Protein backbone atom coordinates (compact mmCIF):
# COMPACT_ATOMS: atom_id res chain seq x y z
CA UNK A 1 -4.34 -6.17 8.72
CA UNK A 2 -0.36 -5.61 8.95
CA UNK A 3 2.28 -3.06 10.01
CA UNK A 4 5.19 -2.49 7.83
CA UNK A 5 8.98 -1.04 8.85
CA UNK A 6 10.92 0.49 5.43
CA UNK A 7 14.10 1.82 6.67
CA UNK A 8 16.16 1.57 3.74
CA UNK A 9 15.66 2.11 -0.14
CA UNK A 10 15.70 -1.55 -0.57
CA UNK A 11 13.59 -2.51 1.47
CA UNK A 12 10.63 -4.52 0.06
CA UNK A 13 8.32 -6.35 1.10
CA UNK A 14 5.58 -8.53 -0.59
CA UNK A 15 2.17 -10.29 0.86
CA UNK A 16 -0.37 -12.07 -1.57
CA UNK A 17 -3.56 -12.96 -0.82
CA UNK A 18 -7.05 -14.20 -2.47
CA UNK A 19 -10.31 -11.52 -2.30
CA UNK A 20 -13.72 -13.07 -2.44
CA UNK A 21 -15.75 -9.98 -2.41
CA UNK A 22 -15.84 -6.94 -5.26
CA UNK A 23 -16.61 -4.26 -2.59
CA UNK A 24 -13.11 -3.90 -0.58
CA UNK A 25 -11.21 -1.10 -0.44
CA UNK A 26 -6.87 -0.67 0.82
CA UNK A 27 -6.36 1.56 3.53
CA UNK A 28 -2.62 2.82 4.66
CA UNK A 29 -1.73 4.87 6.70
CA UNK A 30 1.95 6.56 7.35
CA UNK A 31 4.07 7.09 9.37
CA UNK A 32 7.08 8.99 8.51
CA UNK A 33 10.33 8.21 10.70
CA UNK A 34 12.55 11.36 9.65
CA UNK A 35 11.82 15.24 10.62
CA UNK A 36 12.80 15.74 6.41
CA UNK A 37 9.67 14.43 4.41
CA UNK A 38 11.79 14.54 1.60
CA UNK A 39 13.90 10.82 3.19
CA UNK A 40 10.33 9.86 4.10
CA UNK A 41 8.40 8.09 1.06
CA UNK A 42 6.68 4.33 0.02
CA UNK A 43 5.27 3.26 -2.84
CA UNK A 44 2.97 0.11 -3.21
CA UNK A 45 1.28 -1.57 -5.97
CA UNK A 46 -1.49 -3.58 -6.05
CA UNK A 47 -1.53 -6.40 -9.01
CA UNK A 48 -4.32 -8.60 -9.34
CA UNK A 49 -2.59 -11.47 -10.50
CA UNK A 50 -5.79 -12.81 -12.93
CA UNK A 51 -6.10 -10.19 -15.63
CA UNK A 52 -2.40 -8.78 -14.48
CA UNK A 53 -4.10 -5.28 -14.14
CA UNK A 54 -1.42 -2.87 -11.86
CA UNK A 55 -2.30 0.03 -10.10
CA UNK A 56 0.82 1.79 -7.93
CA UNK A 57 -0.48 3.99 -4.83
CA UNK A 58 2.27 5.65 -2.31
CA UNK A 59 3.01 8.42 0.30
CA UNK A 60 6.29 11.37 -0.87
CA UNK A 61 8.21 11.81 -3.45
CA UNK A 62 5.77 11.97 -6.78
CA UNK A 63 2.75 10.94 -4.66
CA UNK A 64 0.62 12.72 -1.67
CA UNK A 65 2.46 13.45 1.62
CA UNK A 66 -1.40 12.73 2.88
CA UNK A 67 -1.03 9.64 5.58
CA UNK A 68 -3.85 8.66 5.78
CA UNK A 69 -5.27 7.52 2.54
CA UNK A 70 -8.14 4.95 1.33
CA UNK A 71 -8.53 3.23 -2.10
CA UNK A 72 -11.67 1.61 -3.35
CA UNK A 73 -11.33 -1.41 -5.17
CA UNK A 74 -13.76 -3.30 -7.56
CA UNK A 75 -12.17 -6.84 -9.01
CA UNK A 76 -12.05 -10.24 -6.73
CA UNK A 77 -9.09 -12.68 -6.93
CA UNK A 78 -5.83 -13.27 -6.35
CA UNK A 79 -3.80 -10.38 -5.94
CA UNK A 80 -0.05 -9.63 -4.64
CA UNK A 81 0.75 -6.35 -2.97
CA UNK A 82 4.72 -5.33 -3.72
CA UNK A 83 5.85 -2.60 -1.11
CA UNK A 84 8.92 -0.22 -1.33
CA UNK A 85 10.03 2.82 0.90
CA UNK A 86 12.47 4.76 2.96
CA UNK A 87 12.08 5.41 6.09
CA UNK A 88 8.59 5.11 7.23
CA UNK A 89 6.29 2.82 8.97
CA UNK A 90 2.98 1.75 7.03
CA UNK A 91 0.21 0.13 8.56
CA UNK A 92 -1.79 -1.46 5.89
CA UNK A 93 -5.31 -2.93 6.18
CA UNK A 94 -6.72 -4.98 2.93
CA UNK A 95 -10.41 -4.96 3.76
CA UNK A 96 -14.54 -5.55 2.83
CA UNK A 97 -15.55 -1.40 2.16
CA UNK A 98 -19.09 -0.51 4.28
CA UNK A 99 -21.60 1.22 1.47
């Protein structure tokens, strides 16, 4: 569980970790840092480093403006998450899912 502050369109954050439980998920909570939602966006690309499969999730722009989002994941292995955004604070949690 970590928090990230993305202040400009050039901000990029990357995390790598290993997942041992196939029943896991990603939870994000986005806090826009500007009153005008057109300027606030977030994009997260999740890559399984073993098979190269990627999924992209986000907030604003072409994505939903839902501030709390959860994504179930099903495959173990090493993962890389790349995050970009503008004028947002994002809390990201990758953890075991409860059934």
